[in-house]
Structure formats: C-alpha cells, structure tokens
C-alpha cells in the first residue's frame, strides 16, 4: 500500500507511541485522523503535523465511554474512507493479582480489548465494501509472556493477539490484512514514571541494552501497512527482551 492520500485512524494518538505513529504516517503523505479524550489536540503534536504539511483531523472522544458505531461513522465521513485502522488506545491499572479489584480488571479490559473489538467490527464492515484495508492492533510483550502485577493488562493484550489472528482469517476474503505489534519497554510518559531501580532491572533483561523509541514502533506500523503479504502476525519489537 502506498500511503500517500490514504486515510489512517489511530486511536489514543495524542501522546507517546500514538502521537509518533500519527506524525510518521503524515510524513508518508497519509491523511491522519487523530483521537484523544481532551477537547483540543496538544499544541506540540499540532505543530509537528503542521510542520510536516500534514492533512489531519482531530476526533475528540473518550472511547471507553463512547458509542463506537457512531464514532466509526463520524471518522469514516471525514474523508469518505479509512484505509488503515490502528487500535492503539489503552490503559494500565497495575496491581498484584491477589489485590486486584473487579474495577481494575473491567476498566483495562474495556478500553484495551472491548473497544478494539467493537471499533474493528464497525470499521471492517465498511472496509469490506471497498475490498481493501489494514488493521493494526497494539498488543504488548506482556500479552505474550505475562508479567507480575499486570494480570488484567496481560489478559487484554493476549486477547488482542487472538482477535488479530481470527479476524485476519475472515478479513483476508476481502483482501484486508490484520496484524498486531507487541512492543517491549518503550520510552514514553508511562514508563518514565518507573523508579530508577526498576528501570535498571528491566534494562539488564534487554540484550540491546537500551529502551525502544516510539518512532521505532511507528516504523513497524508503517511497514505492516505497506507489506501486502503479511497478515495474522504479531510483530515483537522489544530489543530482544523476550528471546
């Protein structure tokens, strides 16, 4: 897929990995649909997009509280199509399993798995009619290998891997590809909150001896959007941490 003038919807795309993907796709000439919970897009992201000469539109919505079918309609109608959907919005509510409340589980499962499920369903129906499209789900290495204190997050991200494989088999009938990305430790606002001791312990587990950059996840998303013979896969980007 040549990305120039293609329409890319990225959920949860005002900060971190989502923002990096937004800018990367815009620089490829794509029209980007940016999504966030706040009324206004962050000025830093807006400046980056304008500096790149991007065509973009901001869709304010808290997807965990939204009518996803209506959101899909609104997003589709902006440019009359969506060629790439990236399910990136997600949260973590980390606690040791024995102390994890039902609310902690439900909140994570709702945004990290239920929202991608129903948004994909709504967008896929429209992609089927155009007989083309790409869907990328943002999973995590935690969904593949588990992690203490993240049972809810791991369950949601593992669910995304299963969703990816199953929908890929069905969507291929209309030449629509579905893949997932499983990042390892990426330098974002979320991971910067970890203590120095925890950061150092994690670093010792990474053969490349550094954390990943959001731009490296964005490069992977662009690769998956453009390679027409990859579907149903989960691409791990973790510096070798899970070898």
Protein backbone atom coordinates (compact mmCIF):
# COMPACT_ATOMS: atom_id res chain seq x y z
CA UNK A 1 0.00 0.00 0.00
CA UNK A 2 1.31 3.38 -0.99
CA UNK A 3 0.38 5.66 1.89
CA UNK A 4 0.09 8.96 0.06
CA UNK A 5 -3.51 10.21 0.42
CA UNK A 6 -4.54 7.10 2.32
CA UNK A 7 -6.64 7.73 5.44
CA UNK A 8 -5.26 6.46 8.74
CA UNK A 9 -7.26 6.40 12.00
CA UNK A 10 -5.14 6.00 15.13
CA UNK A 11 -6.93 5.77 18.47
CA UNK A 12 -5.31 7.27 21.54
CA UNK A 13 -2.93 9.20 19.33
CA UNK A 14 -2.18 12.47 21.11
CA UNK A 15 0.80 11.25 23.16
CA UNK A 16 3.57 8.66 23.20
CA UNK A 17 3.50 5.87 20.64
CA UNK A 18 0.19 7.05 19.18
CA UNK A 19 1.50 10.55 18.50
CA UNK A 20 4.69 9.16 16.99
CA UNK A 21 2.68 6.97 14.61
CA UNK A 22 0.49 9.94 13.69
CA UNK A 23 3.48 12.05 12.66
CA UNK A 24 5.18 9.14 10.87
CA UNK A 25 2.12 8.34 8.72
CA UNK A 26 1.60 12.04 7.99
CA UNK A 27 5.16 12.30 6.73
CA UNK A 28 4.38 9.43 4.35
CA UNK A 29 1.64 11.59 2.85
CA UNK A 30 -1.30 9.94 4.61
CA UNK A 31 -4.33 11.83 5.89
CA UNK A 32 -4.41 11.20 9.61
CA UNK A 33 -7.39 11.03 11.95
CA UNK A 34 -6.14 11.86 15.43
CA UNK A 35 -8.08 10.75 18.50
CA UNK A 36 -7.85 11.85 22.11
CA UNK A 37 -10.01 12.43 25.19
CA UNK A 38 -9.37 16.14 25.56
CA UNK A 39 -11.22 18.96 23.80
CA UNK A 40 -8.11 20.21 22.00
CA UNK A 41 -5.20 18.41 20.39
CA UNK A 42 -1.87 19.07 22.19
CA UNK A 43 -0.07 22.05 20.67
CA UNK A 44 3.18 20.10 20.34
CA UNK A 45 1.54 17.46 18.14
CA UNK A 46 -0.35 20.08 16.16
CA UNK A 47 2.91 21.93 15.47
CA UNK A 48 4.65 18.74 14.31
CA UNK A 49 1.82 17.91 11.92
CA UNK A 50 1.68 21.42 10.51
CA UNK A 51 5.47 21.47 10.07
CA UNK A 52 5.13 18.25 8.06
CA UNK A 53 2.44 19.80 5.87
CA UNK A 54 0.02 17.14 7.06
CA UNK A 55 -3.65 16.78 6.30
CA UNK A 56 -5.24 15.88 9.61
CA UNK A 57 -8.46 15.99 11.60
CA UNK A 58 -8.97 15.71 15.34
CA UNK A 59 -11.69 13.45 16.73
CA UNK A 60 -12.31 14.13 20.41
CA UNK A 61 -13.74 11.06 22.13
CA UNK A 62 -13.21 9.00 25.25
CA UNK A 63 -13.66 5.67 23.52
CA UNK A 64 -14.28 3.81 26.76
CA UNK A 65 -17.43 5.91 27.17
CA UNK A 66 -18.40 6.33 23.50
CA UNK A 67 -20.89 4.85 21.08
CA UNK A 68 -18.27 3.13 18.93
CA UNK A 69 -20.55 2.64 15.95
CA UNK A 70 -21.31 6.38 15.91
CA UNK A 71 -17.60 7.17 16.34
CA UNK A 72 -16.75 4.92 13.39
CA UNK A 73 -19.35 6.68 11.23
CA UNK A 74 -18.00 10.10 12.20
CA UNK A 75 -14.41 9.06 11.49
CA UNK A 76 -15.28 7.49 8.14
CA UNK A 77 -17.25 10.51 7.00
CA UNK A 78 -14.35 12.96 7.50
CA UNK A 79 -12.60 11.84 4.29
CA UNK A 80 -15.11 9.30 2.99
CA UNK A 81 -12.87 6.31 3.71
CA UNK A 82 -10.46 4.71 6.17
CA UNK A 83 -7.60 2.67 4.77
CA UNK A 84 -5.69 1.93 7.98
CA UNK A 85 -7.12 1.49 11.47
CA UNK A 86 -4.66 1.34 14.35
CA UNK A 87 -6.17 0.30 17.68
CA UNK A 88 -3.70 2.00 19.98
CA UNK A 89 -5.74 3.45 22.86
CA UNK A 90 -5.14 1.64 26.11
CA UNK A 91 -4.51 1.95 29.84
CA UNK A 92 -2.86 0.02 32.62
CA UNK A 93 -4.11 -0.47 36.19
CA UNK A 94 -1.26 -2.47 37.67
CA UNK A 95 -1.66 -4.38 40.93
CA UNK A 96 -0.64 -7.73 42.26
CA UNK A 97 -3.31 -10.25 41.32
CA UNK A 98 -4.39 -11.03 44.88
CA UNK A 99 -5.28 -7.37 45.45
CA UNK A 100 -6.73 -6.59 42.03
CA UNK A 101 -10.31 -5.36 42.20
CA UNK A 102 -13.03 -6.12 39.67
CA UNK A 103 -12.99 -2.44 38.71
CA UNK A 104 -9.27 -2.64 37.88
CA UNK A 105 -9.95 -5.61 35.63
CA UNK A 106 -13.04 -4.18 33.93
CA UNK A 107 -11.51 -0.78 33.21
CA UNK A 108 -8.49 -2.28 31.44
CA UNK A 109 -10.44 -4.94 29.56
CA UNK A 110 -12.97 -2.37 28.37
CA UNK A 111 -10.52 0.05 26.74
CA UNK A 112 -7.72 -2.35 25.83
CA UNK A 113 -9.82 -5.18 24.36
CA UNK A 114 -13.54 -4.40 24.12
CA UNK A 115 -13.03 -1.06 22.34
CA UNK A 116 -10.73 -2.58 19.65
CA UNK A 117 -13.20 -5.46 19.21
CA UNK A 118 -16.23 -3.28 18.51
CA UNK A 119 -14.41 -0.47 16.67
CA UNK A 120 -12.77 -3.02 14.39
CA UNK A 121 -16.17 -4.59 13.76
CA UNK A 122 -17.66 -1.22 12.75
CA UNK A 123 -14.76 -0.20 10.50
CA UNK A 124 -14.33 -3.68 8.98
CA UNK A 125 -17.91 -3.64 7.70
CA UNK A 126 -17.04 -0.55 5.68
CA UNK A 127 -13.64 -1.85 4.58
CA UNK A 128 -15.37 -4.96 3.26
CA UNK A 129 -17.30 -2.82 0.78
CA UNK A 130 -14.12 -1.17 -0.52
CA UNK A 131 -12.36 -4.57 -0.52
CA UNK A 132 -9.20 -3.18 0.96
CA UNK A 133 -7.78 -2.04 4.25
CA UNK A 134 -5.28 -2.65 7.02
CA UNK A 135 -5.95 -3.09 10.74
CA UNK A 136 -3.13 -2.97 13.28
CA UNK A 137 -3.70 -3.84 16.93
CA UNK A 138 -1.27 -2.63 19.58
CA UNK A 139 -0.61 -5.58 21.86
CA UNK A 140 2.40 -5.97 24.18
CA UNK A 141 5.09 -8.46 25.10
CA UNK A 142 3.20 -8.72 28.40
CA UNK A 143 0.35 -10.30 26.45
CA UNK A 144 2.73 -12.96 25.16
CA UNK A 145 4.70 -13.76 28.31
CA UNK A 146 2.81 -12.28 31.25
CA UNK A 147 4.18 -10.05 33.99
CA UNK A 148 3.71 -9.85 37.74
CA UNK A 149 1.29 -7.12 38.68
CA UNK A 150 -0.28 -6.92 35.23
CA UNK A 151 -2.73 -9.84 35.04
CA UNK A 152 -5.52 -7.60 33.72
CA UNK A 153 -3.27 -5.88 31.15
CA UNK A 154 -1.73 -9.19 30.04
CA UNK A 155 -5.17 -10.75 29.60
CA UNK A 156 -6.34 -7.84 27.44
CA UNK A 157 -3.20 -7.78 25.30
CA UNK A 158 -3.24 -11.57 24.86
CA UNK A 159 -6.87 -11.21 23.80
CA UNK A 160 -5.79 -8.75 21.11
CA UNK A 161 -3.42 -11.35 19.69
CA UNK A 162 -6.26 -13.87 19.43
CA UNK A 163 -8.55 -11.24 17.95
CA UNK A 164 -5.89 -10.35 15.39
CA UNK A 165 -5.42 -13.93 14.20
CA UNK A 166 -9.14 -14.70 14.00
CA UNK A 167 -10.18 -11.52 12.20
CA UNK A 168 -7.21 -11.85 9.82
CA UNK A 169 -8.58 -15.20 8.60
CA UNK A 170 -12.00 -13.71 7.90
CA UNK A 171 -10.86 -10.34 6.52
CA UNK A 172 -8.46 -11.92 4.02
CA UNK A 173 -11.50 -12.87 1.94
CA UNK A 174 -11.78 -9.15 1.10
CA UNK A 175 -8.01 -8.54 0.82
CA UNK A 176 -7.96 -6.84 4.22
CA UNK A 177 -4.94 -7.53 6.40
CA UNK A 178 -4.89 -7.63 10.20
CA UNK A 179 -1.70 -7.68 12.28
CA UNK A 180 -0.53 -6.79 15.78
CA UNK A 181 2.55 -5.13 17.23
CA UNK A 182 3.89 -6.21 20.63
CA UNK A 183 6.21 -3.51 21.97
CA UNK A 184 8.62 -4.16 24.81
CA UNK A 185 9.89 -1.35 27.02
CA UNK A 186 9.41 1.88 25.10
CA UNK A 187 10.47 5.31 26.36
CA UNK A 188 7.11 7.02 26.94
CA UNK A 189 5.50 9.14 29.67
CA UNK A 190 4.09 5.96 31.21
CA UNK A 191 7.43 4.15 31.51
CA UNK A 192 9.29 7.28 32.63
CA UNK A 193 7.30 7.11 35.89
CA UNK A 194 9.07 3.90 36.89
CA UNK A 195 11.72 4.11 39.60
CA UNK A 196 15.38 4.11 38.63
CA UNK A 197 15.84 0.73 40.30
CA UNK A 198 13.04 -0.81 38.25
CA UNK A 199 14.36 0.77 35.06
CA UNK A 200 17.82 -0.65 35.69
CA UNK A 201 16.44 -4.12 36.40
CA UNK A 202 14.49 -4.06 33.15
CA UNK A 203 17.49 -2.81 31.19
CA UNK A 204 19.51 -5.81 32.32
CA UNK A 205 16.95 -8.07 30.60
CA UNK A 206 17.30 -6.34 27.20
CA UNK A 207 20.16 -7.66 25.02
CA UNK A 208 20.39 -4.39 23.08
CA UNK A 209 20.87 -2.58 26.42
CA UNK A 210 18.52 0.27 25.71
CA UNK A 211 14.83 1.09 25.72
CA UNK A 212 12.96 1.43 22.49
CA UNK A 213 11.80 4.71 20.99
CA UNK A 214 8.18 5.44 19.98
CA UNK A 215 9.48 6.16 16.47
CA UNK A 216 10.64 2.52 16.20
CA UNK A 217 7.10 1.32 16.84
CA UNK A 218 5.86 3.83 14.27
CA UNK A 219 8.30 2.44 11.69
CA UNK A 220 6.92 -1.05 12.34
CA UNK A 221 3.34 0.16 11.83
CA UNK A 222 4.28 1.74 8.51
CA UNK A 223 5.98 -1.48 7.43
CA UNK A 224 2.89 -3.53 8.28
CA UNK A 225 0.63 -1.05 6.48
CA UNK A 226 2.70 -1.31 3.31
CA UNK A 227 3.57 -5.01 3.09
CA UNK A 228 0.71 -6.68 1.24
CA UNK A 229 1.67 -10.26 2.12
CA UNK A 230 1.71 -10.11 5.91
CA UNK A 231 -1.45 -10.87 7.86
CA UNK A 232 -2.37 -12.54 11.15
CA UNK A 233 1.06 -11.86 12.65
CA UNK A 234 2.24 -10.34 15.92
CA UNK A 235 5.50 -8.46 15.44
CA UNK A 236 7.57 -8.20 18.61
CA UNK A 237 9.64 -5.00 18.96
CA UNK A 238 11.49 -5.35 22.26
CA UNK A 239 15.26 -5.18 21.75
CA UNK A 240 15.49 -8.91 22.32
CA UNK A 241 13.99 -8.84 25.82
CA UNK A 242 11.81 -11.90 25.21
CA UNK A 243 14.33 -14.04 23.33
